[in-house]
Amino acid sequence: MIDRVKTKGKTIASVFMILSLVLIAIPTDLIGQPTTHTVQKGDTLWSICEKYYGDSTLWPKLWEMNPFVTNPHLLKPGDKITLIEKEDISKKKAVADKAPKEAAKPTPKMKGIDMGLLTNTSTMGYLSLTKVEPWGEVYASAKSELGAEKGDKIFINFRNRSDVKPGDQFRVAKPMPVRHPLTDYPMGEIISFRGAVVVKEHLKQEFFLAEVTEVFVEFGVGAIILPFEPLSKCVQPMATDSKLYGNIVGLKDDRKIVGAGTVVYLDSGFKDGIQRGQVFDVVRITRIAPPALRMTNFEEIVNEVGSTFLKSQYLTDFWKALSEGEKLYDYPVGKIMVIESRPDSSTAIVLSTSEDLYTGAFIKGFSWSETPEFLLNLPTCPLE
């Protein structure tokens, strides 16, 4: 009896030892990998990406997977965020590592485009169709209330944000109301980035001392404070379906004329199929076919297409008229690439123009079978 118990004990110990070795051999990131994250107070999309993937720049993809989120840095505690599967990220990296060994074709390899050499991506800003709720605002300056300079000390009211601490970086911004150039309907506001600050000291309650680290455009008391959103400067170019997607509705710094390198804001986002890296034609819609091209009154054309002017409807009607050749013609006058896509809007950079562009111009999908020459001539960068 005693020998039998000892034998059973040895058998059980052996089983436990084998199971332990098996568990050790399994990668830890495959054990109990969560598929959702319950939002805690202070969470943001990029902090969630940093926590689960060690890469905060994945936040646009996470946002695209959770379209119910209206503001990426104001998440509601208790909400469930669907996470990106690590297998998808691993597969993409594996394909990227394997591609050079298998590639034997002489065709040029598509590389990332270094947008940091075309514009300062830190100053781009974005279009928000809803009112942006800031984390705080500048309420005083140690030097001047009118225009802060790099190195100045400023005082910030963070409006009961309990998760702010010394060392945190923030953007200083100013909201600018914008109206649709074709309908004159209110479109929300363009968030213009004016500078950057770093928190130095907690004074009392919601008040903090901060130092100005960057000044892009003059700002002073009353400027709003937003969290820093990391964004990679290296963008993978992508072709798009040939159809109308929307309009250029705003320009950075309220410029009136668009040229190469200009930052523009679009009235369509990833809900409309627009993704980071996509390339579009900027087109004029006119009654006169090239080469006898002339500017045409958009309001006059729109009135013929329909009176409701719902975006989805007028884009469909315009595309039908263009495709069937009914009075209207589209004439490409430039190309843009999307740098950041949000649910209902996008930020893009003008790559080239053949004439001056203005707000109200339409964007049309641009597709290719081989890498276009104009992309090969742009500054490249290694994709991560």
Protein backbone atom coordinates (compact mmCIF):
# COMPACT_ATOMS: atom_id res chain seq x y z
CA MET A 1 0.00 0.00 0.00
CA ILE A 2 2.77 2.42 0.94
CA ASP A 3 4.71 1.53 -2.23
CA ARG A 4 1.57 2.15 -4.31
CA VAL A 5 1.12 5.63 -2.76
CA LYS A 6 4.77 6.44 -3.39
CA THR A 7 4.42 5.34 -7.01
CA LYS A 8 1.33 7.52 -7.47
CA GLY A 9 3.19 10.44 -5.88
CA LYS A 10 6.11 10.03 -8.28
CA THR A 11 3.70 9.81 -11.25
CA ILE A 12 1.84 12.99 -10.24
CA ALA A 13 5.13 14.83 -9.67
CA SER A 14 6.32 13.75 -13.12
CA VAL A 15 3.10 15.00 -14.73
CA PHE A 16 3.44 18.38 -13.00
CA MET A 17 7.07 18.63 -14.10
CA ILE A 18 6.16 17.89 -17.74
CA LEU A 19 3.32 20.45 -17.67
CA SER A 20 5.68 23.04 -16.20
CA LEU A 21 8.21 22.47 -18.97
CA VAL A 22 5.47 22.75 -21.62
CA LEU A 23 4.20 26.03 -20.15
CA ILE A 24 7.72 27.43 -20.02
CA ALA A 25 8.22 26.53 -23.68
CA ILE A 26 5.07 28.45 -24.75
CA PRO A 27 5.73 32.15 -25.46
CA THR A 28 4.22 34.29 -22.75
CA ASP A 29 2.50 36.59 -25.25
CA LEU A 30 0.36 33.65 -26.44
CA ILE A 31 -0.89 32.74 -22.97
CA GLY A 32 -4.12 34.46 -21.99
CA GLN A 33 -3.82 37.16 -24.66
CA PRO A 34 -6.74 39.55 -24.02
CA THR A 35 -9.03 40.54 -26.88
CA THR A 36 -10.53 43.58 -25.16
CA HIS A 37 -9.45 46.26 -22.71
CA THR A 38 -11.74 47.84 -20.13
CA VAL A 39 -11.07 51.57 -20.07
CA GLN A 40 -9.72 52.94 -16.79
CA LYS A 41 -9.63 56.60 -15.80
CA GLY A 42 -6.80 58.36 -17.63
CA ASP A 43 -6.54 55.80 -20.45
CA THR A 44 -5.96 57.00 -24.01
CA LEU A 45 -5.72 55.01 -27.23
CA TRP A 46 -1.96 55.53 -27.41
CA SER A 47 -1.41 54.57 -23.78
CA ILE A 48 -3.36 51.35 -24.45
CA CYS A 49 -1.20 50.65 -27.53
CA GLU A 50 1.95 51.28 -25.50
CA LYS A 51 0.73 48.89 -22.80
CA TYR A 52 -0.20 45.95 -25.04
CA TYR A 53 2.11 46.34 -28.04
CA GLY A 54 4.93 48.59 -26.85
CA ASP A 55 4.16 50.91 -29.79
CA SER A 56 1.96 53.95 -29.18
CA THR A 57 1.97 54.87 -32.89
CA LEU A 58 -0.53 52.05 -33.54
CA TRP A 59 -3.32 54.18 -32.02
CA PRO A 60 -4.90 55.16 -35.41
CA LYS A 61 -5.39 51.45 -36.22
CA LEU A 62 -6.88 50.84 -32.76
CA TRP A 63 -9.22 53.82 -33.29
CA GLU A 64 -10.29 52.43 -36.67
CA MET A 65 -11.22 49.16 -34.93
CA ASN A 66 -13.31 51.07 -32.33
CA PRO A 67 -15.33 53.65 -34.31
CA PHE A 68 -17.62 54.36 -31.33
CA VAL A 69 -14.74 56.35 -29.80
CA THR A 70 -15.29 60.02 -30.63
CA ASN A 71 -12.17 61.39 -28.97
CA PRO A 72 -8.95 59.28 -28.74
CA HIS A 73 -7.74 61.01 -25.57
CA LEU A 74 -11.06 61.21 -23.71
CA LEU A 75 -12.16 57.60 -23.24
CA LYS A 76 -15.08 56.71 -21.01
CA PRO A 77 -14.16 54.48 -18.06
CA GLY A 78 -15.87 51.11 -18.33
CA ASP A 79 -16.01 51.06 -22.14
CA LYS A 80 -14.67 47.96 -23.88
CA ILE A 81 -11.88 48.57 -26.41
CA THR A 82 -11.37 45.81 -28.98
CA LEU A 83 -7.64 45.14 -29.21
CA ILE A 84 -5.52 44.47 -32.27
CA GLU A 85 -4.57 40.80 -32.37
CA LYS A 86 -0.84 40.37 -31.83
CA GLU A 87 -0.87 37.64 -34.48
CA ASP A 88 -1.80 40.26 -37.11
CA ILE A 89 1.11 42.46 -36.06
CA SER A 90 3.51 39.50 -36.01
CA LYS A 91 2.37 38.32 -39.46
CA LYS A 92 2.95 41.77 -40.97
CA LYS A 93 6.45 41.90 -39.48
CA ALA A 94 7.19 38.36 -40.69
CA VAL A 95 6.04 39.21 -44.21
CA ALA A 96 8.16 42.38 -44.17
CA ASP A 97 11.23 40.41 -43.04
CA LYS A 98 10.62 37.66 -45.59
CA ALA A 99 9.81 39.84 -48.59
CA PRO A 100 13.38 40.89 -49.54
CA LYS A 101 14.52 37.22 -49.74
CA GLU A 102 11.63 36.21 -52.02
CA ALA A 103 11.61 39.34 -54.18
CA ALA A 104 13.25 38.54 -57.49
CA LYS A 105 11.37 40.92 -59.76
CA PRO A 106 13.26 43.91 -61.17
CA THR A 107 10.35 46.29 -60.49
CA PRO A 108 11.17 49.08 -58.00
CA LYS A 109 10.31 48.20 -54.42
CA MET A 110 7.79 50.51 -52.76
CA LYS A 111 9.35 52.26 -49.78
CA GLY A 112 7.98 54.52 -47.12
CA ILE A 113 7.76 58.23 -47.87
CA ASP A 114 9.50 60.52 -45.37
CA MET A 115 6.86 63.18 -44.80
CA GLY A 116 9.11 64.88 -42.26
CA LEU A 117 11.16 66.25 -45.18
CA LEU A 118 8.05 67.66 -46.87
CA THR A 119 6.48 69.35 -43.86
CA ASN A 120 6.77 69.56 -40.07
CA THR A 121 4.32 66.81 -39.11
CA SER A 122 4.24 68.09 -35.52
CA THR A 123 2.46 71.25 -36.67
CA MET A 124 -0.15 69.70 -38.99
CA GLY A 125 -3.22 69.88 -36.76
CA TYR A 126 -6.49 68.22 -37.76
CA LEU A 127 -10.16 68.79 -38.54
CA SER A 128 -12.71 67.76 -35.91
CA LEU A 129 -16.39 67.64 -36.84
CA THR A 130 -17.30 67.74 -33.13
CA LYS A 131 -16.19 70.16 -30.44
CA VAL A 132 -12.85 69.12 -28.95
CA GLU A 133 -12.74 68.96 -25.16
CA PRO A 134 -9.27 70.15 -24.05
CA TRP A 135 -7.37 68.76 -21.10
CA GLY A 136 -6.70 72.28 -19.88
CA GLU A 137 -5.78 75.81 -20.85
CA VAL A 138 -3.01 78.38 -20.36
CA TYR A 139 -4.24 80.75 -17.64
CA ALA A 140 -1.10 82.81 -16.98
CA SER A 141 2.47 83.36 -18.10
CA ALA A 142 5.54 84.28 -16.08
CA LYS A 143 6.70 86.59 -18.89
CA SER A 144 4.01 87.77 -21.28
CA GLU A 145 0.31 87.00 -21.62
CA LEU A 146 0.35 87.75 -25.35
CA GLY A 147 3.08 85.65 -26.91
CA ALA A 148 5.02 82.81 -25.28
CA GLU A 149 8.57 82.02 -26.36
CA LYS A 150 10.63 78.86 -26.12
CA GLY A 151 11.88 78.42 -22.56
CA ASP A 152 9.13 80.56 -21.01
CA LYS A 153 7.33 79.35 -17.90
CA ILE A 154 3.54 79.21 -18.12
CA PHE A 155 0.76 78.18 -15.76
CA ILE A 156 -1.83 75.62 -16.84
CA ASN A 157 -5.23 74.77 -15.41
CA PHE A 158 -5.74 71.06 -16.13
CA ARG A 159 -9.41 71.02 -15.16
CA ASN A 160 -9.47 68.24 -12.59
CA ARG A 161 -7.20 65.85 -14.56
CA SER A 162 -5.77 63.66 -11.81
CA ASP A 163 -3.39 61.77 -14.12
CA VAL A 164 -1.12 64.73 -15.04
CA LYS A 165 2.40 64.59 -13.60
CA PRO A 166 5.76 66.39 -14.02
CA GLY A 167 7.53 65.31 -17.20
CA ASP A 168 4.34 64.89 -19.25
CA GLN A 169 4.38 66.54 -22.70
CA PHE A 170 1.40 68.35 -24.20
CA ARG A 171 0.47 70.31 -27.29
CA VAL A 172 -0.75 73.88 -27.21
CA ALA A 173 -3.55 74.45 -29.71
CA LYS A 174 -6.23 76.83 -30.88
CA PRO A 175 -9.62 75.77 -32.31
CA MET A 176 -10.65 77.60 -35.48
CA PRO A 177 -14.29 77.28 -36.70
CA VAL A 178 -14.61 76.10 -40.29
CA ARG A 179 -17.51 76.03 -42.76
CA HIS A 180 -17.88 73.75 -45.77
CA PRO A 181 -16.67 75.70 -48.82
CA LEU A 182 -19.47 74.39 -51.05
CA THR A 183 -22.45 74.52 -48.69
CA ASP A 184 -21.32 77.12 -46.14
CA TYR A 185 -22.60 74.75 -43.44
CA PRO A 186 -20.61 74.67 -40.15
CA MET A 187 -18.06 71.83 -40.34
CA GLY A 188 -16.71 71.84 -36.79
CA GLU A 189 -13.26 73.23 -36.08
CA ILE A 190 -9.68 72.95 -37.26
CA ILE A 191 -7.34 72.29 -34.34
CA SER A 192 -4.26 74.38 -35.06
CA PHE A 193 -1.15 73.27 -33.16
CA ARG A 194 0.66 76.36 -31.83
CA GLY A 195 3.44 74.82 -29.75
CA ALA A 196 4.45 72.26 -27.14
CA VAL A 197 5.06 72.29 -23.38
CA VAL A 198 6.40 69.97 -20.70
CA VAL A 199 4.95 69.90 -17.17
CA LYS A 200 7.51 70.91 -14.54
CA GLU A 201 5.71 71.13 -11.21
CA HIS A 202 2.33 70.53 -9.58
CA LEU A 203 1.39 73.72 -7.74
CA LYS A 204 -1.98 73.06 -6.12
CA GLN A 205 -5.26 71.38 -7.04
CA GLU A 206 -5.50 71.42 -10.88
CA PHE A 207 -2.80 74.08 -11.41
CA PHE A 208 0.63 73.22 -12.82
CA LEU A 209 3.81 75.01 -13.86
CA ALA A 210 5.06 74.12 -17.36
CA GLU A 211 7.87 75.13 -19.71
CA VAL A 212 7.41 76.01 -23.37
CA THR A 213 9.50 73.63 -25.50
CA GLU A 214 8.27 74.59 -29.00
CA VAL A 215 6.54 77.59 -30.56
CA PHE A 216 5.10 77.07 -34.06
CA VAL A 217 2.62 79.95 -34.06
CA GLU A 218 2.25 82.67 -31.43
CA PHE A 219 0.06 81.70 -28.46
CA GLY A 220 -0.73 83.09 -25.04
CA VAL A 221 -3.29 83.00 -22.23
CA GLY A 222 -6.45 81.14 -23.24
CA ALA A 223 -4.74 78.64 -25.56
CA ILE A 224 -6.00 75.09 -25.03
CA ILE A 225 -3.89 72.12 -23.95
CA LEU A 226 -4.14 68.71 -25.65
CA PRO A 227 -2.17 65.50 -25.05
CA PHE A 228 0.72 64.61 -27.32
CA GLU A 229 -0.30 62.14 -30.04
CA PRO A 230 2.68 60.24 -31.50
CA LEU A 231 2.66 59.96 -35.30
CA SER A 232 5.29 58.29 -37.46
CA LYS A 233 6.77 60.47 -40.23
CA CYS A 234 7.34 57.43 -42.45
CA VAL A 235 4.21 56.65 -44.48
CA GLN A 236 3.52 53.65 -46.74
CA PRO A 237 1.89 54.86 -50.01
CA MET A 238 -1.36 53.11 -50.92
CA ALA A 239 -3.50 53.12 -54.08
CA THR A 240 -7.21 53.96 -53.84
CA ASP A 241 -10.36 53.01 -55.72
CA SER A 242 -11.22 55.35 -58.56
CA LYS A 243 -14.20 57.30 -57.22
CA LEU A 244 -14.95 60.57 -55.44
CA TYR A 245 -14.31 60.55 -51.68
CA GLY A 246 -14.97 64.11 -50.56
CA ASN A 247 -13.58 67.64 -50.63
CA ILE A 248 -10.70 69.72 -49.34
CA VAL A 249 -12.53 71.82 -46.78
CA GLY A 250 -9.70 73.57 -44.94
CA LEU A 251 -6.06 74.58 -45.14
CA LYS A 252 -3.43 74.77 -42.44
CA ASP A 253 -2.98 78.30 -41.03
CA ASP A 254 -6.07 79.37 -42.98
CA ARG A 255 -4.14 79.70 -46.23
CA LYS A 256 -6.15 80.66 -49.31
CA ILE A 257 -4.06 78.98 -52.02
CA VAL A 258 -2.72 75.42 -51.96
CA GLY A 259 0.71 74.42 -53.28
CA ALA A 260 3.12 71.49 -52.91
CA GLY A 261 3.83 70.80 -49.23
CA THR A 262 0.60 72.43 -48.02
CA VAL A 263 -1.33 70.64 -45.28
CA VAL A 264 -5.02 70.22 -46.16
CA TYR A 265 -8.04 68.88 -44.28
CA LEU A 266 -10.61 66.55 -45.85
CA ASP A 267 -14.26 66.05 -44.92
CA SER A 268 -13.93 62.23 -45.07
CA GLY A 269 -12.19 59.73 -42.80
CA PHE A 270 -11.79 56.02 -42.18
CA LYS A 271 -15.59 55.61 -41.97
CA ASP A 272 -15.57 56.63 -45.64
CA GLY A 273 -12.75 54.25 -46.54
CA ILE A 274 -9.84 56.70 -46.24
CA GLN A 275 -6.67 55.33 -44.65
CA ARG A 276 -3.25 56.68 -43.77
CA GLY A 277 -0.93 56.55 -46.79
CA GLN A 278 -3.61 56.62 -49.47
CA VAL A 279 -2.86 58.79 -52.51
CA PHE A 280 -5.58 60.85 -54.18
CA ASP A 281 -6.00 63.01 -57.25
CA VAL A 282 -7.25 66.52 -56.56
CA VAL A 283 -9.74 67.30 -59.32
CA ARG A 284 -11.67 70.20 -60.69
CA ILE A 285 -15.22 69.43 -61.77
CA THR A 286 -16.21 71.54 -64.76
CA ARG A 287 -18.66 71.70 -67.62
CA ILE A 288 -15.90 72.32 -70.15
CA ALA A 289 -13.58 69.44 -71.03
CA PRO A 290 -9.83 70.09 -71.26
CA PRO A 291 -8.02 71.80 -72.90
CA ALA A 292 -10.70 74.52 -72.93
CA LEU A 293 -10.68 74.46 -69.11
CA ARG A 294 -12.09 77.27 -67.05
CA MET A 295 -13.25 77.74 -63.48
CA THR A 296 -16.91 76.86 -62.98
CA ASN A 297 -19.26 78.03 -60.25
CA PHE A 298 -19.58 75.05 -57.87
CA GLU A 299 -22.85 76.34 -56.44
CA GLU A 300 -24.40 76.34 -59.89
CA ILE A 301 -23.34 72.73 -60.52
CA VAL A 302 -24.44 71.59 -57.06
CA ASN A 303 -27.90 73.06 -57.51
CA GLU A 304 -28.36 70.89 -60.60
CA VAL A 305 -27.17 67.74 -58.83
CA GLY A 306 -29.52 68.05 -55.86
CA SER A 307 -30.82 70.34 -53.17
CA THR A 308 -30.31 68.14 -50.07
CA PHE A 309 -26.50 68.21 -50.41
CA LEU A 310 -25.91 65.21 -48.20
CA LYS A 311 -22.27 64.31 -48.77
CA SER A 312 -22.91 60.66 -49.57
CA GLN A 313 -25.59 61.64 -52.07
CA TYR A 314 -23.87 64.47 -53.91
CA LEU A 315 -20.65 62.46 -54.25
CA THR A 316 -22.65 59.57 -55.74
CA ASP A 317 -24.51 61.93 -58.10
CA PHE A 318 -21.33 63.68 -59.20
CA TRP A 319 -19.56 60.37 -59.80
CA LYS A 320 -22.49 59.07 -61.85
CA ALA A 321 -22.49 62.23 -63.97
CA LEU A 322 -18.72 62.02 -64.49
CA SER A 323 -18.79 58.30 -65.30
CA GLU A 324 -21.63 58.63 -67.77
CA GLY A 325 -20.34 61.84 -69.30
CA GLU A 326 -23.40 63.90 -68.42
CA LYS A 327 -22.31 67.54 -68.80
CA LEU A 328 -19.57 67.27 -66.16
CA TYR A 329 -15.85 66.55 -66.53
CA ASP A 330 -13.12 65.99 -63.96
CA TYR A 331 -9.66 67.41 -64.50
CA PRO A 332 -6.75 66.38 -62.22
CA VAL A 333 -4.80 69.35 -60.90
CA GLY A 334 -2.72 67.80 -58.10
CA LYS A 335 -2.01 64.85 -55.86
CA ILE A 336 -2.19 64.45 -52.08
CA MET A 337 -1.27 61.76 -49.55
CA VAL A 338 -3.18 61.15 -46.32
CA ILE A 339 -1.00 61.37 -43.19
CA GLU A 340 -3.66 60.84 -40.55
CA SER A 341 -7.19 59.46 -40.79
CA ARG A 342 -9.86 60.04 -38.15
CA PRO A 343 -13.47 58.76 -38.13
CA ASP A 344 -14.96 61.60 -40.20
CA SER A 345 -11.97 63.64 -41.38
CA SER A 346 -8.40 63.32 -42.62
CA THR A 347 -5.21 65.35 -42.76
CA ALA A 348 -3.16 65.20 -45.96
CA ILE A 349 -0.12 66.79 -47.61
CA VAL A 350 -0.11 68.09 -51.16
CA LEU A 351 2.55 66.20 -53.15
CA SER A 352 2.26 68.09 -56.43
CA THR A 353 0.11 70.64 -58.25
CA SER A 354 -0.28 71.73 -61.83
CA GLU A 355 -2.09 74.93 -60.83
CA ASP A 356 -3.19 76.78 -57.72
CA LEU A 357 -5.69 74.81 -55.64
CA TYR A 358 -8.44 76.11 -53.42
CA THR A 359 -10.80 74.73 -50.78
CA GLY A 360 -13.78 72.99 -52.32
CA ALA A 361 -11.69 70.90 -54.72
CA PHE A 362 -12.76 67.26 -54.94
CA ILE A 363 -10.53 64.29 -54.12
CA LYS A 364 -10.66 61.24 -56.36
CA GLY A 365 -9.06 57.84 -55.83
CA PHE A 366 -5.74 57.22 -57.60
CA SER A 367 -4.77 53.64 -58.47
CA TRP A 368 -1.67 52.07 -60.05
CA SER A 369 -0.30 48.69 -61.08
CA GLU A 370 3.36 49.79 -60.85
CA THR A 371 4.84 52.40 -58.53
CA PRO A 372 4.26 55.86 -60.08
CA GLU A 373 7.41 57.81 -60.91
CA PHE A 374 6.39 60.82 -58.84
CA LEU A 375 6.37 58.61 -55.71
CA LEU A 376 9.79 57.15 -56.54
CA ASN A 377 11.19 60.69 -56.68
CA LEU A 378 10.03 61.55 -53.14
CA PRO A 379 12.36 61.18 -50.10
CA THR A 380 12.15 57.64 -48.73
CA CYS A 381 12.52 56.06 -45.30
CA PRO A 382 12.62 52.51 -43.85
CA LEU A 383 9.23 51.22 -42.79
CA GLU A 384 9.08 49.72 -39.29
